[in-house]
N, C-alpha and C. Protein backbone atom coordinates (compact mmCIF):
# COMPACT_ATOMS: atom_id res chain seq x y z
N MET A 1 14.46 -14.69 19.40
CA MET A 1 13.89 -13.39 19.09
C MET A 1 12.71 -13.56 18.14
N ARG A 2 11.65 -12.91 18.44
CA ARG A 2 10.43 -12.98 17.63
C ARG A 2 10.58 -12.19 16.34
N ASP A 3 10.11 -12.77 15.26
CA ASP A 3 10.11 -12.05 13.98
C ASP A 3 8.96 -11.06 13.98
N HIS A 4 9.23 -9.89 13.47
CA HIS A 4 8.21 -8.86 13.35
C HIS A 4 7.98 -8.61 11.87
N ASN A 5 6.75 -8.42 11.52
CA ASN A 5 6.40 -8.19 10.13
C ASN A 5 5.59 -6.91 10.01
N TYR A 6 6.15 -5.97 9.31
CA TYR A 6 5.46 -4.72 9.03
C TYR A 6 5.58 -4.48 7.53
N PHE A 7 4.55 -3.93 6.97
CA PHE A 7 4.51 -3.72 5.53
C PHE A 7 4.15 -2.29 5.21
N VAL A 8 4.88 -1.72 4.27
CA VAL A 8 4.50 -0.46 3.64
C VAL A 8 3.90 -0.87 2.31
N TYR A 9 2.75 -0.31 1.98
CA TYR A 9 2.05 -0.77 0.79
C TYR A 9 1.46 0.42 0.04
N ILE A 10 1.23 0.19 -1.24
CA ILE A 10 0.59 1.20 -2.08
C ILE A 10 -0.61 0.55 -2.77
N LEU A 11 -1.74 1.23 -2.64
CA LEU A 11 -2.98 0.80 -3.29
C LEU A 11 -3.33 1.79 -4.40
N THR A 12 -4.12 1.32 -5.34
CA THR A 12 -4.63 2.19 -6.40
C THR A 12 -6.08 1.82 -6.68
N ASN A 13 -6.71 2.60 -7.54
CA ASN A 13 -8.07 2.29 -7.97
C ASN A 13 -8.00 1.51 -9.28
N ILE A 14 -9.15 1.10 -9.79
CA ILE A 14 -9.20 0.25 -10.98
C ILE A 14 -8.55 0.93 -12.20
N LYS A 15 -8.63 2.26 -12.27
CA LYS A 15 -8.04 2.99 -13.40
C LYS A 15 -6.57 3.36 -13.16
N ARG A 16 -6.08 3.05 -11.97
CA ARG A 16 -4.70 3.34 -11.59
C ARG A 16 -4.41 4.85 -11.58
N SER A 17 -5.43 5.64 -11.28
CA SER A 17 -5.28 7.09 -11.32
C SER A 17 -5.03 7.72 -9.95
N VAL A 18 -5.23 6.96 -8.87
CA VAL A 18 -5.06 7.46 -7.52
C VAL A 18 -4.18 6.49 -6.76
N LEU A 19 -3.29 7.01 -5.90
CA LEU A 19 -2.44 6.15 -5.08
C LEU A 19 -2.67 6.44 -3.61
N TYR A 20 -2.61 5.38 -2.81
CA TYR A 20 -2.71 5.49 -1.35
C TYR A 20 -1.56 4.69 -0.76
N THR A 21 -0.82 5.29 0.15
CA THR A 21 0.29 4.62 0.82
C THR A 21 -0.05 4.41 2.28
N GLY A 22 0.21 3.21 2.78
CA GLY A 22 -0.09 2.89 4.17
C GLY A 22 0.93 1.96 4.77
N VAL A 23 0.76 1.68 6.07
CA VAL A 23 1.63 0.76 6.79
C VAL A 23 0.76 -0.12 7.67
N THR A 24 1.15 -1.39 7.83
CA THR A 24 0.38 -2.33 8.62
C THR A 24 1.27 -3.48 9.08
N ASN A 25 0.78 -4.23 10.07
CA ASN A 25 1.50 -5.43 10.49
C ASN A 25 0.80 -6.70 9.98
N ASP A 26 -0.34 -6.55 9.31
CA ASP A 26 -1.06 -7.67 8.73
C ASP A 26 -1.64 -7.23 7.39
N LEU A 27 -0.90 -7.48 6.33
CA LEU A 27 -1.26 -6.95 5.02
C LEU A 27 -2.58 -7.53 4.52
N SER A 28 -2.78 -8.81 4.64
CA SER A 28 -4.03 -9.42 4.16
C SER A 28 -5.25 -8.84 4.87
N ALA A 29 -5.18 -8.74 6.18
CA ALA A 29 -6.30 -8.19 6.95
C ALA A 29 -6.54 -6.73 6.60
N ARG A 30 -5.47 -5.98 6.42
CA ARG A 30 -5.61 -4.55 6.11
C ARG A 30 -6.24 -4.35 4.74
N LEU A 31 -5.86 -5.17 3.77
CA LEU A 31 -6.47 -5.08 2.44
C LEU A 31 -7.97 -5.36 2.52
N GLU A 32 -8.34 -6.33 3.32
CA GLU A 32 -9.75 -6.65 3.52
C GLU A 32 -10.48 -5.49 4.17
N GLU A 33 -9.86 -4.85 5.15
CA GLU A 33 -10.46 -3.69 5.80
C GLU A 33 -10.69 -2.54 4.81
N HIS A 34 -9.69 -2.32 3.95
CA HIS A 34 -9.85 -1.25 2.96
C HIS A 34 -11.03 -1.54 2.04
N LYS A 35 -11.13 -2.77 1.60
CA LYS A 35 -12.17 -3.12 0.64
C LYS A 35 -13.56 -3.18 1.27
N ASN A 36 -13.65 -3.70 2.47
CA ASN A 36 -14.95 -3.93 3.09
C ASN A 36 -15.19 -3.07 4.32
N GLY A 37 -14.35 -2.08 4.53
CA GLY A 37 -14.48 -1.24 5.71
C GLY A 37 -15.76 -0.44 5.73
N SER A 38 -16.16 -0.06 6.91
CA SER A 38 -17.42 0.67 7.05
C SER A 38 -17.24 2.18 6.98
N LYS A 39 -16.02 2.66 6.93
CA LYS A 39 -15.78 4.11 6.89
C LYS A 39 -15.96 4.63 5.46
N GLN A 40 -17.16 5.05 5.15
CA GLN A 40 -17.45 5.54 3.80
C GLN A 40 -16.74 6.85 3.50
N THR A 41 -16.25 7.52 4.53
CA THR A 41 -15.57 8.79 4.32
C THR A 41 -14.06 8.65 4.21
N SER A 42 -13.56 7.44 4.31
CA SER A 42 -12.10 7.25 4.24
C SER A 42 -11.61 7.50 2.81
N PHE A 43 -10.35 7.82 2.70
CA PHE A 43 -9.75 8.09 1.39
C PHE A 43 -9.91 6.89 0.46
N THR A 44 -9.59 5.69 0.98
CA THR A 44 -9.65 4.51 0.12
C THR A 44 -11.08 4.20 -0.32
N SER A 45 -12.06 4.44 0.54
CA SER A 45 -13.46 4.23 0.15
C SER A 45 -13.91 5.27 -0.87
N ARG A 46 -13.57 6.51 -0.61
CA ARG A 46 -13.98 7.60 -1.50
C ARG A 46 -13.42 7.41 -2.91
N TYR A 47 -12.16 6.99 -3.00
CA TYR A 47 -11.51 6.86 -4.31
C TYR A 47 -11.40 5.42 -4.78
N LYS A 48 -12.01 4.49 -4.04
CA LYS A 48 -12.03 3.08 -4.40
C LYS A 48 -10.63 2.51 -4.63
N CYS A 49 -9.74 2.83 -3.71
CA CYS A 49 -8.36 2.33 -3.75
C CYS A 49 -8.29 1.02 -2.99
N TYR A 50 -8.49 -0.07 -3.68
CA TYR A 50 -8.50 -1.39 -3.06
C TYR A 50 -7.45 -2.32 -3.64
N TYR A 51 -6.74 -1.88 -4.65
CA TYR A 51 -5.88 -2.77 -5.43
C TYR A 51 -4.41 -2.57 -5.08
N LEU A 52 -3.81 -3.61 -4.55
CA LEU A 52 -2.41 -3.58 -4.13
C LEU A 52 -1.51 -3.65 -5.35
N VAL A 53 -0.62 -2.66 -5.50
CA VAL A 53 0.33 -2.67 -6.61
C VAL A 53 1.78 -2.69 -6.16
N TYR A 54 1.99 -2.49 -4.85
CA TYR A 54 3.36 -2.47 -4.32
C TYR A 54 3.33 -2.72 -2.82
N PHE A 55 4.32 -3.48 -2.34
CA PHE A 55 4.52 -3.59 -0.90
C PHE A 55 5.96 -3.96 -0.61
N GLU A 56 6.40 -3.62 0.57
CA GLU A 56 7.72 -3.99 1.03
C GLU A 56 7.66 -4.36 2.50
N HIS A 57 8.50 -5.29 2.88
CA HIS A 57 8.51 -5.82 4.24
C HIS A 57 9.58 -5.12 5.08
N HIS A 58 9.25 -4.87 6.35
CA HIS A 58 10.20 -4.31 7.31
C HIS A 58 10.11 -5.11 8.60
N GLN A 59 11.22 -5.24 9.27
CA GLN A 59 11.25 -5.97 10.53
C GLN A 59 10.83 -5.09 11.70
N TYR A 60 11.09 -3.80 11.60
CA TYR A 60 10.83 -2.89 12.72
C TYR A 60 9.81 -1.83 12.32
N ILE A 61 8.88 -1.56 13.22
CA ILE A 61 7.81 -0.60 12.94
C ILE A 61 8.35 0.80 12.67
N ASP A 62 9.38 1.21 13.39
CA ASP A 62 9.95 2.54 13.17
C ASP A 62 10.44 2.71 11.74
N GLN A 63 11.08 1.66 11.22
CA GLN A 63 11.56 1.71 9.84
C GLN A 63 10.39 1.78 8.86
N ALA A 64 9.36 1.01 9.13
CA ALA A 64 8.19 1.00 8.25
C ALA A 64 7.50 2.36 8.24
N ILE A 65 7.33 2.95 9.40
CA ILE A 65 6.68 4.27 9.49
C ILE A 65 7.52 5.33 8.78
N ASP A 66 8.83 5.29 8.99
CA ASP A 66 9.71 6.26 8.32
C ASP A 66 9.61 6.11 6.80
N ARG A 67 9.58 4.87 6.34
CA ARG A 67 9.49 4.62 4.90
C ARG A 67 8.14 5.09 4.34
N GLU A 68 7.07 4.83 5.07
CA GLU A 68 5.75 5.29 4.64
C GLU A 68 5.75 6.80 4.49
N LYS A 69 6.28 7.50 5.48
CA LYS A 69 6.35 8.97 5.42
C LYS A 69 7.19 9.44 4.24
N GLU A 70 8.30 8.75 4.00
CA GLU A 70 9.17 9.10 2.88
C GLU A 70 8.41 8.99 1.56
N ILE A 71 7.77 7.84 1.35
CA ILE A 71 7.04 7.63 0.10
C ILE A 71 5.89 8.62 -0.05
N LYS A 72 5.17 8.89 1.03
CA LYS A 72 4.06 9.84 0.97
C LYS A 72 4.53 11.23 0.54
N GLY A 73 5.78 11.57 0.83
CA GLY A 73 6.31 12.87 0.46
C GLY A 73 6.80 12.96 -0.97
N TRP A 74 6.83 11.85 -1.66
CA TRP A 74 7.32 11.82 -3.03
C TRP A 74 6.29 12.35 -4.03
N SER A 75 6.79 12.73 -5.19
CA SER A 75 5.92 13.12 -6.30
C SER A 75 5.25 11.87 -6.87
N ARG A 76 4.21 12.08 -7.61
CA ARG A 76 3.52 10.95 -8.25
C ARG A 76 4.47 10.22 -9.19
N ALA A 77 5.30 10.94 -9.91
CA ALA A 77 6.23 10.32 -10.85
C ALA A 77 7.21 9.39 -10.13
N LYS A 78 7.69 9.81 -8.98
CA LYS A 78 8.62 8.98 -8.23
C LYS A 78 7.93 7.72 -7.67
N LYS A 79 6.69 7.87 -7.22
CA LYS A 79 5.92 6.71 -6.76
C LYS A 79 5.66 5.75 -7.91
N ASP A 80 5.30 6.30 -9.08
CA ASP A 80 5.08 5.46 -10.26
C ASP A 80 6.33 4.67 -10.60
N ALA A 81 7.48 5.30 -10.52
CA ALA A 81 8.75 4.63 -10.82
C ALA A 81 9.04 3.52 -9.83
N LEU A 82 8.76 3.76 -8.56
CA LEU A 82 8.95 2.74 -7.53
C LEU A 82 8.07 1.52 -7.82
N ILE A 83 6.81 1.75 -8.11
CA ILE A 83 5.90 0.65 -8.41
C ILE A 83 6.36 -0.08 -9.66
N SER A 84 6.68 0.64 -10.70
CA SER A 84 7.07 0.03 -11.98
C SER A 84 8.35 -0.78 -11.88
N ALA A 85 9.25 -0.39 -10.99
CA ALA A 85 10.50 -1.13 -10.82
C ALA A 85 10.26 -2.54 -10.29
N GLU A 86 9.23 -2.71 -9.48
CA GLU A 86 8.91 -4.01 -8.90
C GLU A 86 7.73 -4.70 -9.59
N ASN A 87 6.87 -3.93 -10.20
CA ASN A 87 5.63 -4.45 -10.77
C ASN A 87 5.39 -3.73 -12.09
N LYS A 88 6.17 -4.12 -13.09
CA LYS A 88 6.22 -3.41 -14.37
C LYS A 88 4.84 -3.17 -14.99
N ASP A 89 3.97 -4.14 -14.90
CA ASP A 89 2.65 -4.05 -15.53
C ASP A 89 1.56 -3.56 -14.58
N TRP A 90 1.97 -3.19 -13.36
CA TRP A 90 1.03 -2.72 -12.34
C TRP A 90 -0.09 -3.73 -12.13
N LYS A 91 0.27 -5.01 -12.08
CA LYS A 91 -0.71 -6.05 -11.79
C LYS A 91 -1.22 -5.88 -10.37
N PHE A 92 -2.46 -6.21 -10.16
CA PHE A 92 -3.04 -6.15 -8.82
C PHE A 92 -2.57 -7.38 -8.04
N LEU A 93 -1.89 -7.14 -6.94
CA LEU A 93 -1.22 -8.19 -6.17
C LEU A 93 -2.07 -8.72 -5.02
N ASN A 94 -3.29 -8.32 -4.90
CA ASN A 94 -4.12 -8.66 -3.75
C ASN A 94 -4.14 -10.14 -3.45
N ASP A 95 -4.20 -10.97 -4.45
CA ASP A 95 -4.28 -12.41 -4.24
C ASP A 95 -2.91 -13.06 -4.14
N GLU A 96 -1.86 -12.26 -4.26
CA GLU A 96 -0.51 -12.80 -4.24
C GLU A 96 0.25 -12.49 -2.97
N ASP A 97 -0.34 -11.74 -2.02
CA ASP A 97 0.37 -11.36 -0.79
C ASP A 97 0.37 -12.53 0.11
C-alpha cells in the first residue's frame, strides 16, 4: 500500500498578527508557492503570510480537508492555543519541514 502524505498547516506574517490555514500534499513546494507565487491578490500575498508555525500530517486527504475546515472555523484564541501547544515560541518552521 502506498503511503499518502497530506498536511494541514498554519502560516503567519512576520508580526504573527494574521493566520492562514491550508492543506497540501507537498508542504515544501506549497510554502515556496506562497512565498514566491504570482497571485498578488491572494490572501497570503496580501498579508505576507509566509511563515510556517504549525503543521500536522494526515494519511488520507478526506481527514486533512476535514481538519482544515475544523481549524478554519475556530476562534483566533483556539488557533493560538493549538500553535502554542506544539510550538511554544512560535518559531518559524519553514526550514525544518
